[in-house]
Amino acid sequence: MRAALILATILDLALAVLLAMVSGLIFGGGPEGANGDPAAVALWIFGLAGCIAAPVAGFVLRARERAGWGLLAAAIPSLAGALFIGI
C-alpha cells in the first residue's frame, strides 16, 4: 500500500508541475500570468492546491491507519485529470 501511495504522490506532484508550467500559456503574460477570467484562475488555483494537498492528506490518513482511504485521497487529482482529458 505504501508503494501505491508513493506512486500517487509522484503523479500528483508531476501534475502540479505541469499546471505550473502551462499557467503562462493559459492565462497570458508569461509564467507570472493569471490575467484571464477570474473564475478560470480560481479553478486553476484550486486544482494546483488540490494536487499538493491530496498526497499530504493521503499520508496523514495512512498514519492514522486508514491506508485505503489515504490512497484514494492521494489518487483523486490524478483520476480527475485522467477524466478531464478523456482517458
Protein backbone atom coordinates (compact mmCIF):
# COMPACT_ATOMS: atom_id res chain seq x y z
CA MET A 1 0.00 0.00 0.00
CA ARG A 2 2.91 2.33 0.74
CA ALA A 3 4.29 1.93 -2.80
CA ALA A 4 0.93 2.82 -4.33
CA LEU A 5 0.70 5.90 -2.11
CA ILE A 6 4.18 6.99 -3.15
CA LEU A 7 3.29 6.47 -6.82
CA ALA A 8 0.11 8.54 -6.39
CA THR A 9 2.18 11.27 -4.74
CA ILE A 10 4.65 11.32 -7.63
CA LEU A 11 1.78 11.57 -10.13
CA ASP A 12 0.16 14.39 -8.16
CA LEU A 13 3.38 16.36 -7.93
CA ALA A 14 4.05 15.84 -11.65
CA LEU A 15 0.56 17.15 -12.37
CA ALA A 16 1.24 20.18 -10.15
CA VAL A 17 4.47 20.89 -12.05
CA LEU A 18 2.61 20.60 -15.35
CA LEU A 19 -0.07 23.02 -14.14
CA ALA A 20 2.59 25.50 -13.04
CA MET A 21 4.44 25.24 -16.34
CA VAL A 22 1.43 25.86 -18.56
CA SER A 23 -0.12 28.62 -16.47
CA GLY A 24 1.60 31.33 -18.51
CA LEU A 25 0.31 29.84 -21.74
CA ILE A 26 -3.25 29.60 -20.47
CA PHE A 27 -3.62 32.92 -18.71
CA GLY A 28 -1.26 35.04 -20.81
CA GLY A 29 1.54 37.31 -19.76
CA GLY A 30 4.18 34.61 -19.34
CA PRO A 31 4.88 32.46 -16.28
CA GLU A 32 3.63 35.20 -13.96
CA GLY A 33 0.26 35.16 -15.80
CA ALA A 34 -3.21 34.87 -14.26
CA ASN A 35 -4.63 37.72 -16.31
CA GLY A 36 -7.50 35.53 -17.51
CA ASP A 37 -11.07 35.11 -16.41
CA PRO A 38 -11.24 35.21 -12.59
CA ALA A 39 -13.31 32.00 -12.47
CA ALA A 40 -10.72 30.16 -14.56
CA VAL A 41 -7.91 31.47 -12.39
CA ALA A 42 -9.75 30.37 -9.22
CA LEU A 43 -10.33 26.88 -10.63
CA TRP A 44 -6.69 26.60 -11.67
CA ILE A 45 -5.52 27.63 -8.19
CA PHE A 46 -7.97 25.16 -6.64
CA GLY A 47 -6.59 22.39 -8.87
CA LEU A 48 -2.98 23.23 -8.04
CA ALA A 49 -3.73 23.33 -4.31
CA GLY A 50 -5.53 20.00 -4.61
CA CYS A 51 -2.52 18.42 -6.30
CA ILE A 52 -0.38 19.44 -3.34
CA ALA A 53 -2.88 18.79 -0.53
CA ALA A 54 -4.07 15.36 -1.69
CA PRO A 55 -0.77 13.49 -1.05
CA VAL A 56 -0.44 15.19 2.32
CA ALA A 57 -3.93 14.00 3.23
CA GLY A 58 -3.05 10.53 1.96
CA PHE A 59 -0.03 10.24 4.22
CA VAL A 60 -1.95 11.65 7.19
CA LEU A 61 -4.69 9.07 6.69
CA ARG A 62 -2.07 6.32 6.34
CA ALA A 63 -0.51 7.42 9.64
CA ARG A 64 -3.93 7.12 11.25
CA GLU A 65 -4.21 3.54 9.97
CA ARG A 66 -6.64 4.29 7.17
CA ALA A 67 -4.32 3.42 4.29
CA GLY A 68 -7.10 2.61 1.80
CA TRP A 69 -8.75 5.98 2.28
CA GLY A 70 -5.33 7.63 2.13
CA LEU A 71 -4.60 6.05 -1.23
CA LEU A 72 -7.99 7.15 -2.51
CA ALA A 73 -7.40 10.71 -1.29
CA ALA A 74 -3.96 10.85 -2.92
CA ALA A 75 -5.26 9.45 -6.22
CA ILE A 76 -8.15 11.90 -6.67
CA PRO A 77 -6.20 14.62 -8.60
CA SER A 78 -4.67 12.06 -10.97
CA LEU A 79 -8.04 10.41 -11.57
CA ALA A 80 -9.73 13.76 -12.10
CA GLY A 81 -7.01 14.75 -14.57
CA ALA A 82 -7.44 11.49 -16.47
CA LEU A 83 -11.20 12.01 -16.63
CA PHE A 84 -10.70 15.62 -17.73
CA ILE A 85 -8.59 14.66 -20.74
CA GLY A 86 -10.92 11.81 -21.60
CA ILE A 87 -8.93 8.68 -20.83
